[in-house]
Amino acid sequence: MRATALTKDTFQNHIESGVSLVDFWAPWCGPCRIQLPIVEELANELKGQANIAKVNVDDEQELAVRFGVRSIPTLLLFKDGKLVEQMVGINPKSVLKAKILNAAGK
């Protein structure tokens, strides 16, 4: 299971229900190359409990602008379509997992 790559066309539908973590990243970004494997691991571990996704800001600039993403990696945590937290920079897996499970009420 990998993090789902989202586009402006698939984004809203993906975050609409449940808990979703979305990683805004770019292939040329050094810190993103550290964060993305952590996000991919969470996609495996939390399958069925949370939606884990990624947005390439080079391909989806409109989404980055919409959510005010100015530096990457930026991780957005949604609960039933509502933004509950925005994290900028590299976040450890344990921190992300705790935030996701907390948002999910687990």
PDB file of N, CA and C in Angstrom:
ATOM      1  N   MET A   1       0.857  -1.195   0.000  1.00  0.00           N
ATOM      2  CA  MET A   1       0.000   0.000   0.000  1.00  0.00           C
ATOM      3  C   MET A   1       0.886   1.235   0.000  1.00  0.00           C
ATOM      4  N   ARG A   2       0.628   2.112  -0.924  1.00  0.00           N
ATOM      5  CA  ARG A   2       1.381   3.357  -1.009  1.00  0.00           C
ATOM      6  C   ARG A   2       0.431   4.526  -0.759  1.00  0.00           C
ATOM      7  N   ALA A   3       1.024   5.656  -0.430  1.00  0.00           N
ATOM      8  CA  ALA A   3       0.212   6.860  -0.284  1.00  0.00           C
ATOM      9  C   ALA A   3      -0.398   7.175  -1.648  1.00  0.00           C
ATOM     10  N   THR A   4      -1.649   7.538  -1.667  1.00  0.00           N
ATOM     11  CA  THR A   4      -2.357   7.835  -2.905  1.00  0.00           C
ATOM     12  C   THR A   4      -1.935   9.201  -3.442  1.00  0.00           C
ATOM     13  N   ALA A   5      -1.550   9.261  -4.703  1.00  0.00           N
ATOM     14  CA  ALA A   5      -1.205  10.544  -5.322  1.00  0.00           C
ATOM     15  C   ALA A   5      -2.497  11.259  -5.703  1.00  0.00           C
ATOM     16  N   LEU A   6      -2.661  12.473  -5.189  1.00  0.00           N
ATOM     17  CA  LEU A   6      -3.893  13.220  -5.436  1.00  0.00           C
ATOM     18  C   LEU A   6      -3.688  14.350  -6.433  1.00  0.00           C
ATOM     19  N   THR A   7      -4.769  14.682  -7.120  1.00  0.00           N
ATOM     20  CA  THR A   7      -4.794  15.824  -8.029  1.00  0.00           C
ATOM     21  C   THR A   7      -5.931  16.747  -7.571  1.00  0.00           C
ATOM     22  N   LYS A   8      -6.022  17.910  -8.196  1.00  0.00           N
ATOM     23  CA  LYS A   8      -7.116  18.825  -7.821  1.00  0.00           C
ATOM     24  C   LYS A   8      -8.479  18.185  -8.079  1.00  0.00           C
ATOM     25  N   ASP A   9      -8.519  17.243  -9.007  1.00  0.00           N
ATOM     26  CA  ASP A   9      -9.787  16.574  -9.329  1.00  0.00           C
ATOM     27  C   ASP A   9     -10.171  15.488  -8.323  1.00  0.00           C
ATOM     28  N   THR A  10      -9.184  14.876  -7.671  1.00  0.00           N
ATOM     29  CA  THR A  10      -9.462  13.767  -6.751  1.00  0.00           C
ATOM     30  C   THR A  10      -9.353  14.168  -5.280  1.00  0.00           C
ATOM     31  N   PHE A  11      -8.795  15.338  -5.007  1.00  0.00           N
ATOM     32  CA  PHE A  11      -8.479  15.747  -3.639  1.00  0.00           C
ATOM     33  C   PHE A  11      -9.695  15.753  -2.716  1.00  0.00           C
ATOM     34  N   GLN A  12     -10.720  16.521  -3.073  1.00  0.00           N
ATOM     35  CA  GLN A  12     -11.870  16.719  -2.182  1.00  0.00           C
ATOM     36  C   GLN A  12     -12.556  15.399  -1.844  1.00  0.00           C
ATOM     37  N   ASN A  13     -12.736  14.569  -2.839  1.00  0.00           N
ATOM     38  CA  ASN A  13     -13.381  13.280  -2.632  1.00  0.00           C
ATOM     39  C   ASN A  13     -12.581  12.409  -1.660  1.00  0.00           C
ATOM     40  N   HIS A  14     -11.260  12.507  -1.746  1.00  0.00           N
ATOM     41  CA  HIS A  14     -10.379  11.672  -0.924  1.00  0.00           C
ATOM     42  C   HIS A  14     -10.439  12.063   0.553  1.00  0.00           C
ATOM     43  N   ILE A  15     -10.527  13.362   0.835  1.00  0.00           N
ATOM     44  CA  ILE A  15     -10.472  13.821   2.234  1.00  0.00           C
ATOM     45  C   ILE A  15     -11.850  13.945   2.898  1.00  0.00           C
ATOM     46  N   GLU A  16     -12.905  13.699   2.125  1.00  0.00           N
ATOM     47  CA  GLU A  16     -14.257  13.989   2.589  1.00  0.00           C
ATOM     48  C   GLU A  16     -14.687  13.229   3.848  1.00  0.00           C
ATOM     49  N   SER A  17     -14.323  11.962   3.962  1.00  0.00           N
ATOM     50  CA  SER A  17     -14.771  11.217   5.134  1.00  0.00           C
ATOM     51  C   SER A  17     -13.598  10.539   5.826  1.00  0.00           C
ATOM     52  N   GLY A  18     -13.700  10.478   7.152  1.00  0.00           N
ATOM     53  CA  GLY A  18     -12.643   9.869   7.949  1.00  0.00           C
ATOM     54  C   GLY A  18     -11.464  10.802   8.142  1.00  0.00           C
ATOM     55  N   VAL A  19     -10.349  10.208   8.533  1.00  0.00           N
ATOM     56  CA  VAL A  19      -9.122  10.964   8.784  1.00  0.00           C
ATOM     57  C   VAL A  19      -8.194  10.800   7.586  1.00  0.00           C
ATOM     58  N   SER A  20      -7.647  11.925   7.128  1.00  0.00           N
ATOM     59  CA  SER A  20      -6.722  11.902   5.989  1.00  0.00           C
ATOM     60  C   SER A  20      -5.476  12.707   6.312  1.00  0.00           C
ATOM     61  N   LEU A  21      -4.316  12.142   6.000  1.00  0.00           N
ATOM     62  CA  LEU A  21      -3.046  12.864   6.093  1.00  0.00           C
ATOM     63  C   LEU A  21      -2.556  13.064   4.667  1.00  0.00           C
ATOM     64  N   VAL A  22      -2.276  14.322   4.305  1.00  0.00           N
ATOM     65  CA  VAL A  22      -1.816  14.622   2.948  1.00  0.00           C
ATOM     66  C   VAL A  22      -0.449  15.284   3.028  1.00  0.00           C
ATOM     67  N   ASP A  23       0.519  14.697   2.335  1.00  0.00           N
ATOM     68  CA  ASP A  23       1.891  15.198   2.284  1.00  0.00           C
ATOM     69  C   ASP A  23       2.072  16.021   1.007  1.00  0.00           C
ATOM     70  N   PHE A  24       2.330  17.313   1.160  1.00  0.00           N
ATOM     71  CA  PHE A  24       2.660  18.177   0.018  1.00  0.00           C
ATOM     72  C   PHE A  24       4.169  18.138  -0.139  1.00  0.00           C
ATOM     73  N   TRP A  25       4.641  17.708  -1.311  1.00  0.00           N
ATOM     74  CA  TRP A  25       6.061  17.448  -1.526  1.00  0.00           C
ATOM     75  C   TRP A  25       6.452  17.773  -2.962  1.00  0.00           C
ATOM     76  N   ALA A  26       7.761  17.655  -3.255  1.00  0.00           N
ATOM     77  CA  ALA A  26       8.274  17.760  -4.629  1.00  0.00           C
ATOM     78  C   ALA A  26       9.517  16.880  -4.738  1.00  0.00           C
ATOM     79  N   PRO A  27       9.753  16.318  -5.922  1.00  0.00           N
ATOM     80  CA  PRO A  27      10.882  15.393  -6.101  1.00  0.00           C
ATOM     81  C   PRO A  27      12.251  16.035  -5.842  1.00  0.00           C
ATOM     82  N   TRP A  28      12.393  17.338  -6.048  1.00  0.00           N
ATOM     83  CA  TRP A  28      13.670  18.022  -5.890  1.00  0.00           C
ATOM     84  C   TRP A  28      13.946  18.459  -4.447  1.00  0.00           C
ATOM     85  N   CYS A  29      12.987  18.262  -3.562  1.00  0.00           N
ATOM     86  CA  CYS A  29      13.077  18.745  -2.177  1.00  0.00           C
ATOM     87  C   CYS A  29      13.758  17.701  -1.285  1.00  0.00           C
ATOM     88  N   GLY A  30      14.930  18.051  -0.743  1.00  0.00           N
ATOM     89  CA  GLY A  30      15.687  17.134   0.116  1.00  0.00           C
ATOM     90  C   GLY A  30      14.906  16.641   1.327  1.00  0.00           C
ATOM     91  N   PRO A  31      14.367  17.552   2.151  1.00  0.00           N
ATOM     92  CA  PRO A  31      13.586  17.100   3.315  1.00  0.00           C
ATOM     93  C   PRO A  31      12.381  16.237   2.929  1.00  0.00           C
ATOM     94  N   CYS A  32      11.801  16.500   1.746  1.00  0.00           N
ATOM     95  CA  CYS A  32      10.661  15.693   1.288  1.00  0.00           C
ATOM     96  C   CYS A  32      11.077  14.245   1.063  1.00  0.00           C
ATOM     97  N   ARG A  33      12.327  14.043   0.627  1.00  0.00           N
ATOM     98  CA  ARG A  33      12.815  12.690   0.378  1.00  0.00           C
ATOM     99  C   ARG A  33      13.014  11.926   1.688  1.00  0.00           C
ATOM    100  N   ILE A  34      13.100  12.660   2.798  1.00  0.00           N
ATOM    101  CA  ILE A  34      13.168  12.028   4.112  1.00  0.00           C
ATOM    102  C   ILE A  34      11.748  11.737   4.618  1.00  0.00           C
ATOM    103  N   GLN A  35      10.846  12.702   4.407  1.00  0.00           N
ATOM    104  CA  GLN A  35       9.473  12.577   4.924  1.00  0.00           C
ATOM    105  C   GLN A  35       8.646  11.550   4.165  1.00  0.00           C
ATOM    106  N   LEU A  36       8.764  11.505   2.842  1.00  0.00           N
ATOM    107  CA  LEU A  36       7.889  10.652   2.031  1.00  0.00           C
ATOM    108  C   LEU A  36       7.945   9.165   2.404  1.00  0.00           C
ATOM    109  N   PRO A  37       9.138   8.581   2.647  1.00  0.00           N
ATOM    110  CA  PRO A  37       9.144   7.158   3.051  1.00  0.00           C
ATOM    111  C   PRO A  37       8.408   6.929   4.376  1.00  0.00           C
ATOM    112  N   ILE A  38       8.443   7.902   5.285  1.00  0.00           N
ATOM    113  CA  ILE A  38       7.714   7.802   6.551  1.00  0.00           C
ATOM    114  C   ILE A  38       6.213   7.780   6.269  1.00  0.00           C
ATOM    115  N   VAL A  39       5.774   8.661   5.372  1.00  0.00           N
ATOM    116  CA  VAL A  39       4.363   8.730   4.993  1.00  0.00           C
ATOM    117  C   VAL A  39       3.925   7.416   4.329  1.00  0.00           C
ATOM    118  N   GLU A  40       4.796   6.863   3.486  1.00  0.00           N
ATOM    119  CA  GLU A  40       4.487   5.588   2.819  1.00  0.00           C
ATOM    120  C   GLU A  40       4.353   4.455   3.839  1.00  0.00           C
ATOM    121  N   GLU A  41       5.216   4.438   4.875  1.00  0.00           N
ATOM    122  CA  GLU A  41       5.118   3.420   5.930  1.00  0.00           C
ATOM    123  C   GLU A  41       3.783   3.542   6.659  1.00  0.00           C
ATOM    124  N   LEU A  42       3.367   4.767   6.936  1.00  0.00           N
ATOM    125  CA  LEU A  42       2.089   4.983   7.617  1.00  0.00           C
ATOM    126  C   LEU A  42       0.923   4.505   6.757  1.00  0.00           C
ATOM    127  N   ALA A  43       1.038   4.660   5.444  1.00  0.00           N
ATOM    128  CA  ALA A  43      -0.012   4.184   4.534  1.00  0.00           C
ATOM    129  C   ALA A  43      -0.208   2.683   4.715  1.00  0.00           C
ATOM    130  N   ASN A  44       0.894   1.959   4.916  1.00  0.00           N
ATOM    131  CA  ASN A  44       0.821   0.511   5.158  1.00  0.00           C
ATOM    132  C   ASN A  44       0.233   0.197   6.516  1.00  0.00           C
ATOM    133  N   GLU A  45       0.785   0.847   7.544  1.00  0.00           N
ATOM    134  CA  GLU A  45       0.402   0.534   8.924  1.00  0.00           C
ATOM    135  C   GLU A  45      -1.030   0.918   9.260  1.00  0.00           C
ATOM    136  N   LEU A  46      -1.518   1.992   8.659  1.00  0.00           N
ATOM    137  CA  LEU A  46      -2.838   2.509   9.030  1.00  0.00           C
ATOM    138  C   LEU A  46      -3.902   2.234   7.975  1.00  0.00           C
ATOM    139  N   LYS A  47      -3.623   1.288   7.101  1.00  0.00           N
ATOM    140  CA  LYS A  47      -4.587   0.926   6.061  1.00  0.00           C
ATOM    141  C   LYS A  47      -5.925   0.573   6.709  1.00  0.00           C
ATOM    142  N   GLY A  48      -6.994   1.183   6.227  1.00  0.00           N
ATOM    143  CA  GLY A  48      -8.313   0.934   6.778  1.00  0.00           C
ATOM    144  C   GLY A  48      -8.668   1.840   7.952  1.00  0.00           C
ATOM    145  N   GLN A  49      -7.665   2.523   8.527  1.00  0.00           N
ATOM    146  CA  GLN A  49      -7.916   3.417   9.663  1.00  0.00           C
ATOM    147  C   GLN A  49      -7.843   4.890   9.252  1.00  0.00           C
ATOM    148  N   ALA A  50      -7.035   5.167   8.225  1.00  0.00           N
ATOM    149  CA  ALA A  50      -6.855   6.550   7.773  1.00  0.00           C
ATOM    150  C   ALA A  50      -6.472   6.556   6.301  1.00  0.00           C
ATOM    151  N   ASN A  51      -6.784   7.661   5.631  1.00  0.00           N
ATOM    152  CA  ASN A  51      -6.383   7.846   4.236  1.00  0.00           C
ATOM    153  C   ASN A  51      -5.046   8.581   4.231  1.00  0.00           C
ATOM    154  N   ILE A  52      -4.043   7.986   3.609  1.00  0.00           N
ATOM    155  CA  ILE A  52      -2.732   8.623   3.535  1.00  0.00           C
ATOM    156  C   ILE A  52      -2.482   8.958   2.068  1.00  0.00           C
ATOM    157  N   ALA A  53      -2.162  10.229   1.810  1.00  0.00           N
ATOM    158  CA  ALA A  53      -2.019  10.665   0.419  1.00  0.00           C
ATOM    159  C   ALA A  53      -0.877  11.658   0.282  1.00  0.00           C
ATOM    160  N   LYS A  54      -0.529  11.952  -0.971  1.00  0.00           N
ATOM    161  CA  LYS A  54       0.531  12.919  -1.256  1.00  0.00           C
ATOM    162  C   LYS A  54       0.125  13.776  -2.442  1.00  0.00           C
ATOM    163  N   VAL A  55       0.655  14.996  -2.455  1.00  0.00           N
ATOM    164  CA  VAL A  55       0.406  15.932  -3.548  1.00  0.00           C
ATOM    165  C   VAL A  55       1.749  16.493  -3.997  1.00  0.00           C
ATOM    166  N   ASN A  56       2.078  16.276  -5.269  1.00  0.00           N
ATOM    167  CA  ASN A  56       3.295  16.841  -5.853  1.00  0.00           C
ATOM    168  C   ASN A  56       2.998  18.314  -6.179  1.00  0.00           C
ATOM    169  N   VAL A  57       3.641  19.235  -5.456  1.00  0.00           N
ATOM    170  CA  VAL A  57       3.319  20.659  -5.612  1.00  0.00           C
ATOM    171  C   VAL A  57       3.719  21.202  -6.984  1.00  0.00           C
ATOM    172  N   ASP A  58       4.669  20.548  -7.648  1.00  0.00           N
ATOM    173  CA  ASP A  58       5.037  20.981  -9.005  1.00  0.00           C
ATOM    174  C   ASP A  58       3.897  20.714  -9.982  1.00  0.00           C
ATOM    175  N   ASP A  59       3.219  19.582  -9.794  1.00  0.00           N
ATOM    176  CA  ASP A  59       2.121  19.197 -10.685  1.00  0.00           C
ATOM    177  C   ASP A  59       0.790  19.814 -10.270  1.00  0.00           C
ATOM    178  N   GLU A  60       0.638  20.098  -8.999  1.00  0.00           N
ATOM    179  CA  GLU A  60      -0.654  20.552  -8.462  1.00  0.00           C
ATOM    180  C   GLU A  60      -0.509  21.878  -7.702  1.00  0.00           C
ATOM    181  N   GLN A  61      -0.011  22.891  -8.398  1.00  0.00           N
ATOM    182  CA  GLN A  61       0.222  24.191  -7.755  1.00  0.00           C
ATOM    183  C   GLN A  61      -1.063  24.808  -7.213  1.00  0.00           C
ATOM    184  N   GLU A  62      -2.170  24.552  -7.890  1.00  0.00           N
ATOM    185  CA  GLU A  62      -3.457  25.098  -7.467  1.00  0.00           C
ATOM    186  C   GLU A  62      -3.827  24.622  -6.051  1.00  0.00           C
ATOM    187  N   LEU A  63      -3.576  23.347  -5.754  1.00  0.00           N
ATOM    188  CA  LEU A  63      -3.854  22.811  -4.415  1.00  0.00           C
ATOM    189  C   LEU A  63      -2.919  23.426  -3.386  1.00  0.00           C
ATOM    190  N   ALA A  64      -1.648  23.579  -3.744  1.00  0.00           N
ATOM    191  CA  ALA A  64      -0.683  24.182  -2.819  1.00  0.00           C
ATOM    192  C   ALA A  64      -1.107  25.602  -2.454  1.00  0.00           C
ATOM    193  N   VAL A  65      -1.550  26.359  -3.440  1.00  0.00           N
ATOM    194  CA  VAL A  65      -2.007  27.732  -3.208  1.00  0.00           C
ATOM    195  C   VAL A  65      -3.271  27.728  -2.343  1.00  0.00           C
ATOM    196  N   ARG A  66      -4.181  26.838  -2.668  1.00  0.00           N
ATOM    197  CA  ARG A  66      -5.451  26.752  -1.939  1.00  0.00           C
ATOM    198  C   ARG A  66      -5.246  26.550  -0.440  1.00  0.00           C
ATOM    199  N   PHE A  67      -4.233  25.770  -0.066  1.00  0.00           N
ATOM    200  CA  PHE A  67      -3.986  25.485   1.345  1.00  0.00           C
ATOM    201  C   PHE A  67      -2.817  26.286   1.919  1.00  0.00           C
ATOM    202  N   GLY A  68      -2.347  27.271   1.182  1.00  0.00           N
ATOM    203  CA  GLY A  68      -1.299  28.149   1.691  1.00  0.00           C
ATOM    204  C   GLY A  68       0.023  27.451   1.952  1.00  0.00           C
ATOM    205  N   VAL A  69       0.330  26.441   1.154  1.00  0.00           N
ATOM    206  CA  VAL A  69       1.590  25.714   1.330  1.00  0.00           C
ATOM    207  C   VAL A  69       2.715  26.569   0.753  1.00  0.00           C
ATOM    208  N   ARG A  70       3.592  27.046   1.648  1.00  0.00           N
ATOM    209  CA  ARG A  70       4.687  27.922   1.218  1.00  0.00           C
ATOM    210  C   ARG A  70       6.039  27.236   1.292  1.00  0.00           C
ATOM    211  N   SER A  71       6.154  26.249   2.171  1.00  0.00           N
ATOM    212  CA  SER A  71       7.400  25.487   2.228  1.00  0.00           C
ATOM    213  C   SER A  71       7.032  24.016   2.337  1.00  0.00           C
ATOM    214  N   ILE A  72       7.908  23.176   1.843  1.00  0.00           N
ATOM    215  CA  ILE A  72       7.627  21.743   1.826  1.00  0.00           C
ATOM    216  C   ILE A  72       8.772  21.005   2.514  1.00  0.00           C
ATOM    217  N   PRO A  73       8.516  19.849   3.102  1.00  0.00           N
ATOM    218  CA  PRO A  73       7.214  19.198   3.150  1.00  0.00           C
ATOM    219  C   PRO A  73       6.237  19.895   4.103  1.00  0.00           C
ATOM    220  N   THR A  74       4.990  19.926   3.684  1.00  0.00           N
ATOM    221  CA  THR A  74       3.888  20.357   4.554  1.00  0.00           C
ATOM    222  C   THR A  74       2.901  19.200   4.610  1.00  0.00           C
ATOM    223  N   LEU A  75       2.509  18.845   5.823  1.00  0.00           N
ATOM    224  CA  LEU A  75       1.538  17.763   6.012  1.00  0.00           C
ATOM    225  C   LEU A  75       0.260  18.358   6.565  1.00  0.00           C
ATOM    226  N   LEU A  76      -0.851  18.029   5.914  1.00  0.00           N
ATOM    227  CA  LEU A  76      -2.155  18.506   6.356  1.00  0.00           C
ATOM    228  C   LEU A  76      -2.962  17.320   6.870  1.00  0.00           C
ATOM    229  N   LEU A  77      -3.570  17.503   8.042  1.00  0.00           N
ATOM    230  CA  LEU A  77      -4.394  16.456   8.638  1.00  0.00           C
ATOM    231  C   LEU A  77      -5.850  16.911   8.579  1.00  0.00           C
ATOM    232  N   PHE A  78      -6.679  16.091   7.959  1.00  0.00           N
ATOM    233  CA  PHE A  78      -8.103  16.395   7.795  1.00  0.00           C
ATOM    234  C   PHE A  78      -8.941  15.384   8.558  1.00  0.00           C
ATOM    235  N   LYS A  79     -10.081  15.841   9.069  1.00  0.00           N
ATOM    236  CA  LYS A  79     -11.079  14.952   9.675  1.00  0.00           C
ATOM    237  C   LYS A  79     -12.402  15.290   9.014  1.00  0.00           C
ATOM    238  N   ASP A  80     -12.958  14.334   8.295  1.00  0.00           N
ATOM    239  CA  ASP A  80     -14.231  14.521   7.581  1.00  0.00           C
ATOM    240  C   ASP A  80     -14.234  15.788   6.720  1.00  0.00           C
ATOM    241  N   GLY A  81     -13.145  16.005   5.996  1.00  0.00           N
ATOM    242  CA  GLY A  81     -13.058  17.123   5.062  1.00  0.00           C
ATOM    243  C   GLY A  81     -12.624  18.445   5.662  1.00  0.00           C
ATOM    244  N   LYS A  82     -12.483  18.507   6.988  1.00  0.00           N
ATOM    245  CA  LYS A  82     -12.074  19.755   7.640  1.00  0.00           C
ATOM    246  C   LYS A  82     -10.611  19.672   8.060  1.00  0.00           C
ATOM    247  N   LEU A  83      -9.866  20.740   7.776  1.00  0.00           N
ATOM    248  CA  LEU A  83      -8.456  20.797   8.161  1.00  0.00           C
ATOM    249  C   LEU A  83      -8.350  20.916   9.671  1.00  0.00           C
ATOM    250  N   VAL A  84      -7.646  19.972  10.315  1.00  0.00           N
ATOM    251  CA  VAL A  84      -7.492  20.036  11.766  1.00  0.00           C
ATOM    252  C   VAL A  84      -6.072  20.399  12.190  1.00  0.00           C
ATOM    253  N   GLU A  85      -5.099  20.152  11.314  1.00  0.00           N
ATOM    254  CA  GLU A  85      -3.724  20.506  11.666  1.00  0.00           C
ATOM    255  C   GLU A  85      -2.857  20.633  10.424  1.00  0.00           C
ATOM    256  N   GLN A  86      -1.911  21.584  10.493  1.00  0.00           N
ATOM    257  CA  GLN A  86      -0.931  21.774   9.421  1.00  0.00           C
ATOM    258  C   GLN A  86       0.453  21.703  10.054  1.00  0.00           C
ATOM    259  N   MET A  87       1.296  20.822   9.521  1.00  0.00           N
ATOM    260  CA  MET A  87       2.655  20.634  10.046  1.00  0.00           C
ATOM    261  C   MET A  87       3.657  20.906   8.929  1.00  0.00           C
ATOM    262  N   VAL A  88       4.638  21.743   9.217  1.00  0.00           N
ATOM    263  CA  VAL A  88       5.648  22.080   8.216  1.00  0.00           C
ATOM    264  C   VAL A  88       6.977  21.473   8.650  1.00  0.00           C
ATOM    265  N   GLY A  89       7.700  20.896   7.681  1.00  0.00           N
ATOM    266  CA  GLY A  89       8.995  20.286   7.985  1.00  0.00           C
ATOM    267  C   GLY A  89       8.850  18.795   8.216  1.00  0.00           C
ATOM    268  N   ILE A  90       9.972  18.175   8.579  1.00  0.00           N
ATOM    269  CA  ILE A  90       9.991  16.726   8.767  1.00  0.00           C
ATOM    270  C   ILE A  90       9.380  16.372  10.111  1.00  0.00           C
ATOM    271  N   ASN A  91       8.448  15.436  10.089  1.00  0.00           N
ATOM    272  CA  ASN A  91       7.798  14.955  11.308  1.00  0.00           C
ATOM    273  C   ASN A  91       8.110  13.478  11.494  1.00  0.00           C
ATOM    274  N   PRO A  92       8.500  13.070  12.707  1.00  0.00           N
ATOM    275  CA  PRO A  92       8.762  11.647  12.953  1.00  0.00           C
ATOM    276  C   PRO A  92       7.490  10.820  12.826  1.00  0.00           C
ATOM    277  N   LYS A  93       7.683   9.567  12.460  1.00  0.00           N
ATOM    278  CA  LYS A  93       6.560   8.656  12.264  1.00  0.00           C
ATOM    279  C   LYS A  93       5.702   8.551  13.519  1.00  0.00           C
ATOM    280  N   SER A  94       6.328   8.462  14.683  1.00  0.00           N
ATOM    281  CA  SER A  94       5.572   8.302  15.928  1.00  0.00           C
ATOM    282  C   SER A  94       4.646   9.490  16.177  1.00  0.00           C
ATOM    283  N   VAL A  95       5.113  10.686  15.874  1.00  0.00           N
ATOM    284  CA  VAL A  95       4.309  11.899  16.064  1.00  0.00           C
ATOM    285  C   VAL A  95       3.118  11.894  15.105  1.00  0.00           C
ATOM    286  N   LEU A  96       3.388  11.594  13.837  1.00  0.00           N
ATOM    287  CA  LEU A  96       2.314  11.574  12.839  1.00  0.00           C
ATOM    288  C   LEU A  96       1.267  10.513  13.171  1.00  0.00           C
ATOM    289  N   LYS A  97       1.740   9.331  13.541  1.00  0.00           N
ATOM    290  CA  LYS A  97       0.821   8.233  13.847  1.00  0.00           C
ATOM    291  C   LYS A  97      -0.074   8.612  15.029  1.00  0.00           C
ATOM    292  N   ALA A  98       0.514   9.213  16.064  1.00  0.00           N
ATOM    293  CA  ALA A  98      -0.262   9.622  17.244  1.00  0.00           C
ATOM    294  C   ALA A  98      -1.312  10.663  16.861  1.00  0.00           C
ATOM    295  N   LYS A  99      -0.944  11.624  16.015  1.00  0.00           N
ATOM    296  CA  LYS A  99      -1.891  12.671  15.603  1.00  0.00           C
ATOM    297  C   LYS A  99      -3.041  12.078  14.779  1.00  0.00           C
ATOM    298  N   ILE A 100      -2.697  11.145  13.892  1.00  0.00           N
ATOM    299  CA  ILE A 100      -3.718  10.498  13.049  1.00  0.00           C
ATOM    300  C   ILE A 100      -4.698   9.697  13.919  1.00  0.00           C
ATOM    301  N   LEU A 101      -4.150   8.888  14.823  1.00  0.00           N
ATOM    302  CA  LEU A 101      -5.004   8.059  15.680  1.00  0.00           C
ATOM    303  C   LEU A 101      -5.838   8.917  16.614  1.00  0.00           C
ATOM    304  N   ASN A 102      -5.263  10.009  17.100  1.00  0.00           N
ATOM    305  CA  ASN A 102      -5.990  10.935  17.969  1.00  0.00           C
ATOM    306  C   ASN A 102      -7.163  11.563  17.214  1.00  0.00           C
ATOM    307  N   ALA A 103      -6.900  11.999  15.980  1.00  0.00           N
ATOM    308  CA  ALA A 103      -7.958  12.593  15.155  1.00  0.00           C
ATOM    309  C   ALA A 103      -9.054  11.572  14.858  1.00  0.00           C
ATOM    310  N   ALA A 104      -8.646  10.311  14.744  1.00  0.00           N
ATOM    311  CA  ALA A 104      -9.606   9.237  14.449  1.00  0.00           C
ATOM    312  C   ALA A 104     -10.352   8.781  15.714  1.00  0.00           C
ATOM    313  N   GLY A 105      -9.921   9.309  16.862  1.00  0.00           N
ATOM    314  CA  GLY A 105     -10.580   8.941  18.122  1.00  0.00           C
ATOM    315  C   GLY A 105     -10.202   7.562  18.603  1.00  0.00           C
ATOM    316  N   LYS A 106      -8.982   7.124  18.266  1.00  0.00           N
ATOM    317  CA  LYS A 106      -8.529   5.778  18.674  1.00  0.00           C
ATOM    318  C   LYS A 106      -7.519   5.880  19.794  1.00  0.00           C
TER     319      LYS A 106
END
